[in-house]
Amino acid sequence: MSSKKICCFGEVLWDFFPEGKKMGGAPFNVANSLKALGSDVAFISRVGKDSLGTEILDSVSHCNIPVDYIQIDPVHPTGKVQLILDSKGSAQYDIEIDAAWDFIQLDKENQALVKSSKAFVFGSLVARGSSYRALQTFLEISNFSVFDLNLRPPFYENSLLIELMQQSDMLKFNDEELYKVVDLLDSPFNSMDQHIHHIAKQTNTKIICVTKGMFGAVLYFEGDWYYNSGFKIEVVDTVGAGDSFLGTLIHGIVNENDLQNTLNRACAMGALVAGSSGANPNISENQLVRFMSS
């Protein structure tokens, strides 16, 4: 396939911090990160027919991401999340239910988009509502499905997680989520690498990435292993750090860049976002390169 288009699917919403609101939603954060890196990105979502939805459409356009596949819901409101940050910048999320993005509808245009894209990226949260029906069709027709587990209790079921992992070509989760997954899949092992290999076998997935916060990440790619031990940063908040990491990682994989360098860049980008406020700070290529070499 000559196209390198990457399609992200799922929630776009407003994160309400104590100091005000910022646009977020993991799939949008990934799309925005990909676009900033120069990827050809499309984004499928749904917003309410309200002022918050209008603001999102304007903001997405300002990010140079097409809004053609963002549906307008006349009934359900634009998504909102209340965030509480602890003293270390880690976030707790109060996610409103029955938001517009829970009701993304399948149509000929978004099916054609997914079918023609080189990669299709989604998270577990979009499966909590009727958008799950569209997700099932997208997984059947996608060329390379990337599943970011991004677990937000109580909005997932164990059986559904296993099903989605088995339908995906690549899995990404953090170390906390890893141990939830190994419990689900009855891993008899002790080390992280052994757990990852067990998950790969049980789900028939050839690519798995696990982030480890300040300690970097590990990537299992079709039998080969890549490691990064992390970058030191003073954390402002962790919102969106994993999403920017994933966007940078997918960008490198889709463009068939060196995998070790790709993982290093992803870890550096995640650290820079954790050292900034909100999910979508503007981080240039020069900033990334300087940070990696410092």
Protein backbone atom coordinates (compact mmCIF):
# COMPACT_ATOMS: atom_id res chain seq x y z
CA MET A 1 0.00 0.00 0.00
CA SER A 2 1.52 3.34 -1.08
CA SER A 3 -0.59 5.46 1.31
CA LYS A 4 0.90 6.24 4.73
CA LYS A 5 -2.31 7.73 6.09
CA ILE A 6 -2.95 7.02 9.77
CA CYS A 7 -6.55 7.01 11.01
CA CYS A 8 -7.31 7.62 14.69
CA PHE A 9 -10.73 6.73 16.09
CA GLY A 10 -12.45 7.67 19.32
CA GLU A 11 -12.99 10.45 21.81
CA VAL A 12 -12.22 14.12 21.46
CA LEU A 13 -13.35 16.17 24.45
CA TRP A 14 -12.54 18.94 26.88
CA ASP A 15 -10.30 18.22 29.85
CA PHE A 16 -11.29 20.55 32.69
CA PHE A 17 -8.29 21.35 34.88
CA PRO A 18 -8.56 23.53 38.00
CA GLU A 19 -7.14 26.43 35.96
CA GLY A 20 -9.41 25.94 32.93
CA LYS A 21 -10.21 23.66 30.00
CA LYS A 22 -7.89 22.11 27.41
CA MET A 23 -8.75 19.88 24.48
CA GLY A 24 -7.99 16.19 24.93
CA GLY A 25 -9.11 12.62 24.46
CA ALA A 26 -6.43 9.98 23.90
CA PRO A 27 -7.14 9.28 20.19
CA PHE A 28 -7.16 13.00 19.39
CA ASN A 29 -3.93 13.49 21.35
CA VAL A 30 -2.32 10.72 19.29
CA ALA A 31 -3.63 12.26 16.05
CA ASN A 32 -2.34 15.69 17.04
CA SER A 33 1.08 14.28 17.89
CA LEU A 34 1.23 12.43 14.58
CA LYS A 35 0.26 15.56 12.65
CA ALA A 36 2.93 17.61 14.40
CA LEU A 37 5.49 15.02 13.27
CA GLY A 38 4.36 15.37 9.66
CA SER A 39 2.14 12.30 9.32
CA ASP A 40 -0.89 12.21 7.03
CA VAL A 41 -3.63 11.95 9.68
CA ALA A 42 -7.39 11.50 9.68
CA PHE A 43 -9.59 11.48 12.78
CA ILE A 44 -13.02 9.88 13.27
CA SER A 45 -15.07 11.15 16.21
CA ARG A 46 -18.31 12.91 17.18
CA VAL A 47 -19.11 16.12 19.06
CA GLY A 48 -22.32 17.69 20.28
CA LYS A 49 -24.26 20.41 18.50
CA ASP A 50 -23.19 22.89 21.16
CA SER A 51 -20.64 25.62 21.80
CA LEU A 52 -18.05 23.17 23.15
CA GLY A 53 -18.39 21.11 19.98
CA THR A 54 -17.94 24.18 17.79
CA GLU A 55 -14.80 25.06 19.74
CA ILE A 56 -13.44 21.56 19.16
CA LEU A 57 -14.07 21.73 15.42
CA ASP A 58 -12.30 25.09 15.25
CA SER A 59 -9.37 23.80 17.32
CA VAL A 60 -8.98 20.59 15.31
CA SER A 61 -8.95 22.63 12.09
CA HIS A 62 -6.33 24.90 13.65
CA CYS A 63 -4.19 21.78 14.20
CA ASN A 64 -4.46 21.15 10.42
CA ILE A 65 -6.37 17.92 10.99
CA PRO A 66 -9.41 17.51 8.69
CA VAL A 67 -12.78 17.68 10.45
CA ASP A 68 -14.56 15.82 7.62
CA TYR A 69 -14.93 12.67 9.74
CA ILE A 70 -16.04 14.37 12.96
CA GLN A 71 -19.80 13.92 13.20
CA ILE A 72 -22.22 16.39 14.81
CA ASP A 73 -24.64 14.85 17.32
CA PRO A 74 -27.94 16.73 17.70
CA VAL A 75 -28.84 14.96 20.96
CA HIS A 76 -25.76 14.12 23.02
CA PRO A 77 -23.35 16.77 24.36
CA THR A 78 -19.68 17.20 23.60
CA GLY A 79 -17.53 15.11 25.93
CA LYS A 80 -16.13 16.53 29.16
CA VAL A 81 -13.66 15.21 31.72
CA GLN A 82 -12.89 16.65 35.14
CA LEU A 83 -9.22 16.18 36.04
CA ILE A 84 -7.64 16.16 39.47
CA LEU A 85 -3.83 16.21 39.66
CA ASP A 86 -1.95 14.82 42.65
CA SER A 87 1.31 16.27 43.99
CA LYS A 88 3.33 14.28 41.41
CA GLY A 89 1.28 15.49 38.45
CA SER A 90 -0.56 12.19 37.98
CA ALA A 91 -4.17 12.58 36.93
CA GLN A 92 -7.46 11.15 38.11
CA TYR A 93 -10.28 11.31 35.57
CA ASP A 94 -14.02 11.85 36.06
CA ILE A 95 -15.35 11.07 32.57
CA GLU A 96 -18.93 12.06 31.74
CA ILE A 97 -21.10 9.30 30.26
CA ASP A 98 -23.36 9.42 27.18
CA ALA A 99 -21.16 11.96 25.43
CA ALA A 100 -21.40 12.49 21.67
CA TRP A 101 -18.27 10.37 21.05
CA ASP A 102 -20.09 7.37 22.58
CA PHE A 103 -22.40 7.42 19.53
CA ILE A 104 -20.04 7.52 16.51
CA GLN A 105 -21.89 6.08 13.53
CA LEU A 106 -20.61 3.92 10.72
CA ASP A 107 -20.94 5.31 7.20
CA LYS A 108 -19.50 4.68 3.74
CA GLU A 109 -17.01 7.54 4.04
CA ASN A 110 -15.38 6.47 7.31
CA GLN A 111 -15.30 2.83 6.23
CA ALA A 112 -13.49 3.79 3.02
CA LEU A 113 -11.07 5.89 5.09
CA VAL A 114 -10.16 3.04 7.43
CA LYS A 115 -9.82 0.59 4.56
CA SER A 116 -7.40 2.87 2.72
CA SER A 117 -5.28 3.81 5.76
CA LYS A 118 -1.97 2.18 6.54
CA ALA A 119 -2.70 2.19 10.28
CA PHE A 120 -5.84 2.43 12.44
CA VAL A 121 -5.44 3.60 16.05
CA PHE A 122 -8.02 3.25 18.83
CA GLY A 123 -8.31 2.95 22.61
CA SER A 124 -10.45 0.96 25.01
CA LEU A 125 -12.64 3.89 26.09
CA VAL A 126 -14.47 4.17 22.75
CA ALA A 127 -15.81 0.63 23.23
CA ARG A 128 -17.90 1.62 26.27
CA GLY A 129 -20.89 2.87 24.20
CA SER A 130 -22.59 2.31 20.87
CA SER A 131 -19.42 3.45 19.05
CA TYR A 132 -18.29 -0.13 19.69
CA ARG A 133 -20.42 -1.26 16.73
CA ALA A 134 -18.47 0.98 14.37
CA LEU A 135 -15.21 -0.19 15.96
CA GLN A 136 -16.02 -3.82 15.19
CA THR A 137 -16.43 -3.07 11.50
CA PHE A 138 -13.28 -0.94 11.42
CA LEU A 139 -11.25 -3.77 12.94
CA GLU A 140 -12.51 -6.16 10.27
CA ILE A 141 -11.36 -3.91 7.41
CA SER A 142 -8.25 -2.17 8.82
CA ASN A 143 -4.78 -3.00 7.49
CA PHE A 144 -2.87 -2.52 10.75
CA SER A 145 -4.78 -2.00 14.02
CA VAL A 146 -3.07 -0.36 17.00
CA PHE A 147 -4.84 -0.83 20.34
CA ASP A 148 -3.93 1.58 23.15
CA LEU A 149 -5.50 -0.03 26.22
CA ASN A 150 -5.58 3.26 28.17
CA LEU A 151 -7.73 1.69 30.90
CA ARG A 152 -10.14 4.00 32.73
CA PRO A 153 -12.18 2.13 35.38
CA PRO A 154 -15.08 1.41 35.35
CA PHE A 155 -15.32 1.78 31.56
CA TYR A 156 -14.05 -1.60 30.39
CA GLU A 157 -14.81 -5.29 30.75
CA ASN A 158 -12.14 -7.97 30.95
CA SER A 159 -13.69 -10.17 28.27
CA LEU A 160 -13.89 -7.21 25.89
CA LEU A 161 -10.24 -6.32 26.48
CA ILE A 162 -9.17 -9.84 25.54
CA GLU A 163 -11.37 -9.78 22.44
CA LEU A 164 -9.96 -6.43 21.28
CA MET A 165 -6.38 -7.53 21.92
CA GLN A 166 -6.94 -10.62 19.81
CA GLN A 167 -8.31 -8.46 16.97
CA SER A 168 -5.37 -6.05 16.97
CA ASP A 169 -1.95 -6.09 15.31
CA MET A 170 -0.17 -3.95 17.90
CA LEU A 171 -0.78 -3.38 21.62
CA LYS A 172 0.39 -0.49 23.79
CA PHE A 173 -0.10 -0.15 27.53
CA ASN A 174 1.73 1.08 30.61
CA ASP A 175 3.34 -1.12 33.25
CA GLU A 176 0.32 -0.85 35.57
CA GLU A 177 -1.96 -2.02 32.78
CA LEU A 178 0.49 -4.80 31.89
CA TYR A 179 -0.06 -6.47 35.24
CA LYS A 180 -3.83 -6.26 34.85
CA VAL A 181 -3.50 -7.95 31.46
CA VAL A 182 -1.20 -10.73 32.70
CA ASP A 183 -3.70 -11.53 35.43
CA LEU A 184 -6.42 -11.81 32.78
CA LEU A 185 -4.28 -14.10 30.67
CA ASP A 186 -2.94 -16.18 33.59
CA SER A 187 0.73 -15.55 32.92
CA PRO A 188 2.84 -17.97 35.00
CA PHE A 189 5.98 -15.82 34.63
CA ASN A 190 7.72 -13.15 36.71
CA SER A 191 9.70 -10.81 34.46
CA MET A 192 8.20 -8.11 32.26
CA ASP A 193 9.72 -9.57 29.09
CA GLN A 194 8.29 -13.00 29.88
CA HIS A 195 4.87 -11.45 30.50
CA ILE A 196 5.02 -9.60 27.18
CA HIS A 197 5.99 -12.75 25.31
CA HIS A 198 3.12 -14.61 27.00
CA ILE A 199 0.64 -11.89 25.98
CA ALA A 200 1.94 -12.00 22.41
CA LYS A 201 1.35 -15.75 22.25
CA GLN A 202 -2.06 -15.66 23.92
CA THR A 203 -3.39 -12.84 21.73
CA ASN A 204 -1.47 -13.69 18.55
CA THR A 205 -0.02 -10.15 18.53
CA LYS A 206 3.41 -9.57 17.00
CA ILE A 207 4.05 -6.03 18.31
CA ILE A 208 3.70 -4.97 21.94
CA CYS A 209 4.98 -1.83 23.65
CA VAL A 210 4.94 -1.21 27.39
CA THR A 211 5.73 2.21 28.84
CA LYS A 212 7.33 2.46 32.28
CA GLY A 213 6.91 6.13 33.18
CA MET A 214 10.23 7.75 34.11
CA PHE A 215 11.96 4.42 33.45
CA GLY A 216 11.32 4.44 29.70
CA ALA A 217 9.74 1.66 27.67
CA VAL A 218 10.20 -1.76 26.11
CA LEU A 219 9.17 -2.70 22.57
CA TYR A 220 8.65 -6.26 21.35
CA PHE A 221 8.55 -6.20 17.56
CA GLU A 222 8.09 -9.45 15.65
CA GLY A 223 10.46 -11.38 17.90
CA ASP A 224 13.03 -8.61 18.46
CA TRP A 225 13.42 -6.52 21.60
CA TYR A 226 14.18 -2.79 22.02
CA TYR A 227 14.67 -0.90 25.29
CA ASN A 228 14.94 2.67 26.51
CA SER A 229 15.66 3.51 30.15
CA GLY A 230 13.91 6.89 30.16
CA PHE A 231 14.71 10.62 30.20
CA LYS A 232 14.88 12.80 33.29
CA ILE A 233 12.26 15.57 33.43
CA GLU A 234 10.52 17.63 36.10
CA VAL A 235 6.90 16.50 35.76
CA VAL A 236 4.20 19.16 35.45
CA ASP A 237 1.41 16.72 34.63
CA THR A 238 1.29 13.31 32.95
CA VAL A 239 -1.85 14.05 30.89
CA GLY A 240 -1.24 13.07 27.26
CA ALA A 241 2.34 11.89 27.77
CA GLY A 242 1.51 8.31 26.80
CA ASP A 243 -0.48 9.54 23.78
CA SER A 244 2.43 11.61 22.46
CA PHE A 245 4.70 8.65 23.06
CA LEU A 246 2.39 6.45 21.00
CA GLY A 247 2.04 8.98 18.20
CA THR A 248 5.83 9.24 17.90
CA LEU A 249 6.20 5.46 17.97
CA ILE A 250 3.54 4.87 15.28
CA HIS A 251 5.03 7.61 13.09
CA GLY A 252 8.38 5.81 13.13
CA ILE A 253 6.89 2.37 12.52
CA VAL A 254 4.68 3.49 9.61
CA ASN A 255 7.64 5.25 7.99
CA GLU A 256 9.85 2.17 8.58
CA ASN A 257 12.41 4.18 10.55
CA ASP A 258 15.07 2.56 12.73
CA LEU A 259 13.14 0.98 15.61
CA GLN A 260 15.65 1.74 18.38
CA ASN A 261 15.80 5.40 17.40
CA THR A 262 12.02 5.44 17.08
CA LEU A 263 11.61 4.12 20.62
CA ASN A 264 14.16 6.63 21.93
CA ARG A 265 12.31 9.50 20.26
CA ALA A 266 8.97 8.27 21.62
CA CYS A 267 10.31 8.16 25.18
CA ALA A 268 11.81 11.64 24.82
CA MET A 269 8.55 13.04 23.46
CA GLY A 270 6.58 11.48 26.31
CA ALA A 271 8.97 13.03 28.82
CA LEU A 272 8.72 16.48 27.22
CA VAL A 273 4.92 16.33 27.32
CA ALA A 274 5.01 15.25 30.99
CA GLY A 275 7.19 18.30 31.62
CA SER A 276 4.55 20.57 30.07
CA SER A 277 1.00 21.52 31.01
CA GLY A 278 -1.88 19.71 29.28
CA ALA A 279 -2.06 16.94 26.73
CA ASN A 280 -1.04 18.83 23.58
CA PRO A 281 1.89 21.20 24.11
CA ASN A 282 3.64 22.45 20.98
CA ILE A 283 6.98 20.61 20.88
CA SER A 284 9.17 21.14 17.84
CA GLU A 285 11.56 18.70 16.19
CA ASN A 286 14.46 20.92 17.29
CA GLN A 287 13.29 20.79 20.92
CA LEU A 288 13.06 17.00 20.73
CA VAL A 289 16.53 16.63 19.23
CA ARG A 290 18.09 19.03 21.75
CA PHE A 291 16.43 17.24 24.65
CA MET A 292 17.64 13.84 23.45
CA SER A 293 21.22 15.09 23.11
CA SER A 294 21.35 16.98 26.41
